[in-house]
Amino acid sequence: MKPAAREMLASGARTLGLELTQQQLAQLDLLAEELKKWNKKINLTAITDDEGIATKHLVDSLTLLKVVRGPGRLLDLGSGGGFPCIPVKVVEPTLAMVSVDAVVKKISFQKNAARVLGLANFETLHARGELLAEQYPASFDWIVSRAFSDLPTFVSMALPLLKPEGRIVAMKGPGGKQEADEAKVKLESLGVELVGLQEFQLPGTSDQRSLLIYRISKN
């Protein structure tokens, strides 16, 4: 990435309370370069400029670390080009990751990126999320998605995979609270409750973001 974009990444992370090391910055820079290179051959993202990648992919992914911390096991459902899972893995390497997407070309990119970046305990799966319950029953401390689907669909898919004390985190845009309110009755019927809602501005932009945190209901 251009120096200005690298600075936007470092500054955005700092705003989130993350002081990236030179190695982490280099890895995220390499991820951005791989994304641009692959995107010329296969359509991974509509965001192709350095500044956009720095803020709307990398920093946006790192906002997950406002609520998620390792050690533990994290599942990214519908991970696309590897966001948020790859940037989060770079900055929080104690999280063991499983990244799932139904589009094979996106998983191929993630496999390559994980190899190039030297990521350990990072598993990629070309699969549909609703078919994972038999392989990964009650297996994850964290299950996350970034603009993957509506809340009831995501939570229904995540529940069989979640450890009893685990958390489900939906990364949403400005309508997150409204979506949570509209889905409240449905989600309560599934046996989950909202235990956290964070609304904030994506660093380096005027875009609004929401993090919705759910757990299995205690009552």
Protein backbone atom coordinates (compact mmCIF):
# COMPACT_ATOMS: atom_id res chain seq x y z
CA MET A 1 0.00 0.00 0.00
CA LYS A 2 1.01 3.60 -0.40
CA PRO A 3 2.58 5.24 2.68
CA ALA A 4 -0.56 7.35 3.25
CA ALA A 5 -2.71 4.21 3.35
CA ARG A 6 -0.31 2.48 5.73
CA GLU A 7 -0.55 5.49 8.02
CA MET A 8 -4.35 5.39 7.80
CA LEU A 9 -4.19 1.75 8.87
CA ALA A 10 -1.84 2.43 11.79
CA SER A 11 -3.81 5.50 12.88
CA GLY A 12 -7.15 3.73 12.59
CA ALA A 13 -5.90 0.82 14.65
CA ARG A 14 -4.55 3.25 17.25
CA THR A 15 -7.99 4.84 17.53
CA LEU A 16 -9.30 1.37 18.34
CA GLY A 17 -6.67 1.00 21.08
CA LEU A 18 -4.38 -1.21 18.99
CA GLU A 19 -0.71 -0.34 18.56
CA LEU A 20 0.33 -2.39 15.54
CA THR A 21 3.89 -3.71 15.47
CA GLN A 22 6.05 -3.27 12.39
CA GLN A 23 5.61 -6.98 11.65
CA GLN A 24 1.81 -6.71 11.86
CA LEU A 25 1.82 -3.65 9.61
CA ALA A 26 4.00 -5.50 7.11
CA GLN A 27 1.68 -8.53 7.16
CA LEU A 28 -1.44 -6.39 6.65
CA ASP A 29 0.30 -4.48 3.88
CA LEU A 30 1.16 -7.80 2.21
CA LEU A 31 -2.47 -8.92 2.59
CA ALA A 32 -3.61 -5.75 0.81
CA GLU A 33 -1.13 -6.33 -2.03
CA GLU A 34 -2.27 -9.95 -2.43
CA LEU A 35 -5.90 -8.80 -2.47
CA LYS A 36 -5.20 -6.30 -5.25
CA LYS A 37 -3.22 -8.86 -7.25
CA TRP A 38 -5.88 -11.57 -7.02
CA ASN A 39 -8.68 -9.08 -7.62
CA LYS A 40 -7.34 -8.43 -11.12
CA LYS A 41 -8.10 -12.07 -11.98
CA ILE A 42 -11.13 -12.89 -9.84
CA ASN A 43 -13.67 -10.54 -8.31
CA LEU A 44 -13.04 -10.52 -4.56
CA THR A 45 -13.96 -6.94 -3.68
CA ALA A 46 -15.25 -3.73 -5.21
CA ILE A 47 -12.84 -1.79 -2.97
CA THR A 48 -9.54 -1.65 -4.84
CA ASP A 49 -7.82 1.61 -3.81
CA ASP A 50 -5.19 1.51 -1.06
CA GLU A 51 -7.00 3.94 1.23
CA GLY A 52 -10.27 2.05 0.87
CA ILE A 53 -8.61 -1.29 1.59
CA ALA A 54 -6.83 0.19 4.62
CA THR A 55 -10.00 1.57 6.21
CA LYS A 56 -12.96 -0.39 4.86
CA HIS A 57 -11.36 -3.83 4.95
CA LEU A 58 -8.41 -3.80 7.38
CA VAL A 59 -9.43 -1.27 10.05
CA ASP A 60 -13.06 -2.34 9.72
CA SER A 61 -12.04 -5.94 10.43
CA LEU A 62 -10.00 -4.86 13.44
CA THR A 63 -13.04 -3.20 15.03
CA LEU A 64 -13.99 -6.75 16.04
CA LEU A 65 -11.18 -6.56 18.61
CA LYS A 66 -13.24 -4.03 20.55
CA VAL A 67 -15.10 -7.07 21.91
CA VAL A 68 -13.13 -10.20 20.92
CA ARG A 69 -9.86 -11.27 22.51
CA GLY A 70 -7.82 -14.47 22.58
CA PRO A 71 -7.02 -17.09 23.52
CA GLY A 72 -9.93 -19.06 22.16
CA ARG A 73 -11.44 -20.50 19.02
CA LEU A 74 -13.18 -18.27 16.49
CA LEU A 75 -15.39 -19.13 13.52
CA ASP A 76 -15.93 -16.55 10.76
CA LEU A 77 -19.11 -17.42 8.86
CA GLY A 78 -19.38 -16.10 5.30
CA SER A 79 -15.85 -14.69 5.45
CA GLY A 80 -15.61 -13.62 1.80
CA GLY A 81 -12.09 -12.48 1.04
CA GLY A 82 -11.00 -13.17 4.62
CA PHE A 83 -12.48 -10.23 6.47
CA PRO A 84 -12.54 -9.93 9.42
CA CYS A 85 -10.74 -13.21 10.15
CA ILE A 86 -7.33 -12.64 8.51
CA PRO A 87 -6.60 -9.13 9.89
CA VAL A 88 -7.88 -10.23 13.32
CA LYS A 89 -5.64 -13.32 13.23
CA VAL A 90 -2.61 -11.16 12.37
CA VAL A 91 -3.20 -8.86 15.36
CA GLU A 92 -4.54 -11.48 17.81
CA PRO A 93 -2.57 -14.65 16.93
CA THR A 94 -3.74 -16.51 20.07
CA LEU A 95 -7.15 -16.95 18.41
CA ALA A 96 -7.44 -20.26 16.55
CA MET A 97 -9.49 -19.55 13.42
CA VAL A 98 -11.85 -21.43 11.17
CA SER A 99 -12.94 -19.40 8.15
CA VAL A 100 -15.95 -20.57 6.12
CA ASP A 101 -17.32 -19.37 2.81
CA ALA A 102 -19.50 -21.00 0.14
CA VAL A 103 -17.56 -19.40 -2.76
CA VAL A 104 -14.54 -21.50 -3.67
CA LYS A 105 -12.50 -18.67 -5.26
CA LYS A 106 -12.69 -16.68 -2.03
CA ILE A 107 -11.48 -19.62 0.03
CA SER A 108 -8.67 -20.16 -2.51
CA PHE A 109 -7.57 -16.58 -1.94
CA GLN A 110 -7.68 -17.05 1.83
CA LYS A 111 -5.58 -20.23 1.64
CA ASN A 112 -2.99 -18.35 -0.37
CA ALA A 113 -3.03 -15.35 1.97
CA ALA A 114 -2.64 -17.56 5.05
CA ARG A 115 0.35 -19.28 3.44
CA VAL A 116 2.00 -16.02 2.33
CA LEU A 117 1.45 -14.41 5.73
CA GLY A 118 2.61 -17.49 7.62
CA LEU A 119 -0.55 -17.83 9.71
CA ALA A 120 -0.72 -20.79 12.11
CA ASN A 121 -3.94 -22.35 13.45
CA PHE A 122 -5.90 -20.84 10.56
CA GLU A 123 -8.24 -23.28 8.81
CA THR A 124 -10.25 -22.46 5.68
CA LEU A 125 -13.35 -24.35 4.61
CA HIS A 126 -15.28 -24.23 1.37
CA ALA A 127 -18.67 -25.07 2.83
CA ARG A 128 -22.12 -23.78 3.69
CA GLY A 129 -22.47 -22.67 7.28
CA GLU A 130 -25.67 -24.61 7.90
CA LEU A 131 -23.84 -27.87 7.19
CA LEU A 132 -21.13 -27.47 9.87
CA ALA A 133 -23.01 -28.61 12.98
CA GLU A 134 -22.06 -32.29 12.65
CA GLN A 135 -18.36 -31.50 12.23
CA TYR A 136 -18.09 -28.71 14.82
CA PRO A 137 -20.76 -29.22 17.54
CA ALA A 138 -20.42 -26.69 20.39
CA SER A 139 -16.85 -25.95 19.29
CA PHE A 140 -16.33 -22.17 19.25
CA ASP A 141 -15.81 -19.42 21.83
CA TRP A 142 -16.62 -16.78 19.23
CA ILE A 143 -18.73 -16.94 16.07
CA VAL A 144 -18.64 -13.79 13.96
CA SER A 145 -19.97 -12.45 10.69
CA ARG A 146 -19.44 -9.23 8.81
CA ALA A 147 -22.48 -8.15 6.78
CA PHE A 148 -23.16 -11.83 6.10
CA SER A 149 -26.93 -12.21 6.48
CA ASP A 150 -29.92 -11.15 8.55
CA LEU A 151 -29.58 -11.73 12.28
CA PRO A 152 -32.02 -14.67 12.70
CA THR A 153 -30.38 -16.59 9.84
CA PHE A 154 -26.87 -15.99 11.17
CA VAL A 155 -27.76 -16.81 14.78
CA SER A 156 -29.67 -19.97 13.77
CA MET A 157 -26.61 -21.13 11.87
CA ALA A 158 -24.22 -20.23 14.68
CA LEU A 159 -26.06 -21.69 17.67
CA PRO A 160 -25.25 -25.41 17.16
CA LEU A 161 -21.57 -24.47 16.76
CA LEU A 162 -21.28 -22.27 19.85
CA LYS A 163 -19.80 -23.35 23.18
CA PRO A 164 -22.25 -22.93 26.10
CA GLU A 165 -20.39 -19.83 27.36
CA GLY A 166 -19.48 -18.55 23.89
CA ARG A 167 -20.51 -15.36 22.14
CA ILE A 168 -21.99 -14.58 18.73
CA VAL A 169 -20.91 -11.24 17.24
CA ALA A 170 -22.63 -9.64 14.26
CA MET A 171 -20.70 -6.80 12.60
CA LYS A 172 -23.24 -4.37 11.15
CA GLY A 173 -23.50 -0.89 9.68
CA PRO A 174 -25.57 2.05 10.96
CA GLY A 175 -28.80 0.03 11.12
CA GLY A 176 -27.49 -2.49 13.62
CA LYS A 177 -29.58 -1.40 16.61
CA GLN A 178 -32.75 -1.26 14.55
CA GLU A 179 -32.09 -4.73 13.16
CA ALA A 180 -31.48 -6.03 16.69
CA ASP A 181 -34.76 -4.49 17.89
CA GLU A 182 -36.70 -5.97 14.97
CA ALA A 183 -35.16 -9.43 15.51
CA LYS A 184 -35.50 -9.42 19.33
CA VAL A 185 -38.59 -11.63 19.62
CA LYS A 186 -37.33 -14.10 17.01
CA LEU A 187 -33.90 -14.36 18.65
CA GLU A 188 -35.40 -14.81 22.11
CA SER A 189 -37.45 -17.69 20.70
CA LEU A 190 -34.18 -19.24 19.52
CA GLY A 191 -32.84 -19.03 23.08
CA VAL A 192 -30.33 -16.17 22.75
CA GLU A 193 -30.11 -12.73 24.33
CA LEU A 194 -28.36 -9.51 23.40
CA VAL A 195 -25.62 -8.80 25.95
CA GLY A 196 -23.76 -5.99 24.21
CA LEU A 197 -24.25 -3.30 21.59
CA GLN A 198 -21.47 -0.97 20.50
CA GLU A 199 -22.11 1.83 18.00
CA PHE A 200 -19.18 3.87 16.72
CA GLN A 201 -17.68 5.65 13.74
CA LEU A 202 -15.25 3.67 11.61
CA PRO A 203 -11.88 5.41 12.12
CA GLY A 204 -10.77 7.46 9.12
CA THR A 205 -14.29 7.66 7.68
CA SER A 206 -17.74 9.05 8.43
CA ASP A 207 -19.24 5.54 8.27
CA GLN A 208 -21.18 4.21 11.23
CA ARG A 209 -20.65 0.70 12.55
CA SER A 210 -22.36 -1.56 15.10
CA LEU A 211 -21.25 -4.66 16.97
CA LEU A 212 -24.05 -6.85 18.33
CA ILE A 213 -23.03 -9.43 20.93
CA TYR A 214 -25.27 -12.40 21.79
CA ARG A 215 -25.08 -15.35 24.16
CA ILE A 216 -27.24 -18.36 24.94
CA SER A 217 -29.98 -17.22 27.34
CA LYS A 218 -29.45 -18.09 31.01
CA ASN A 219 -33.15 -18.37 31.90
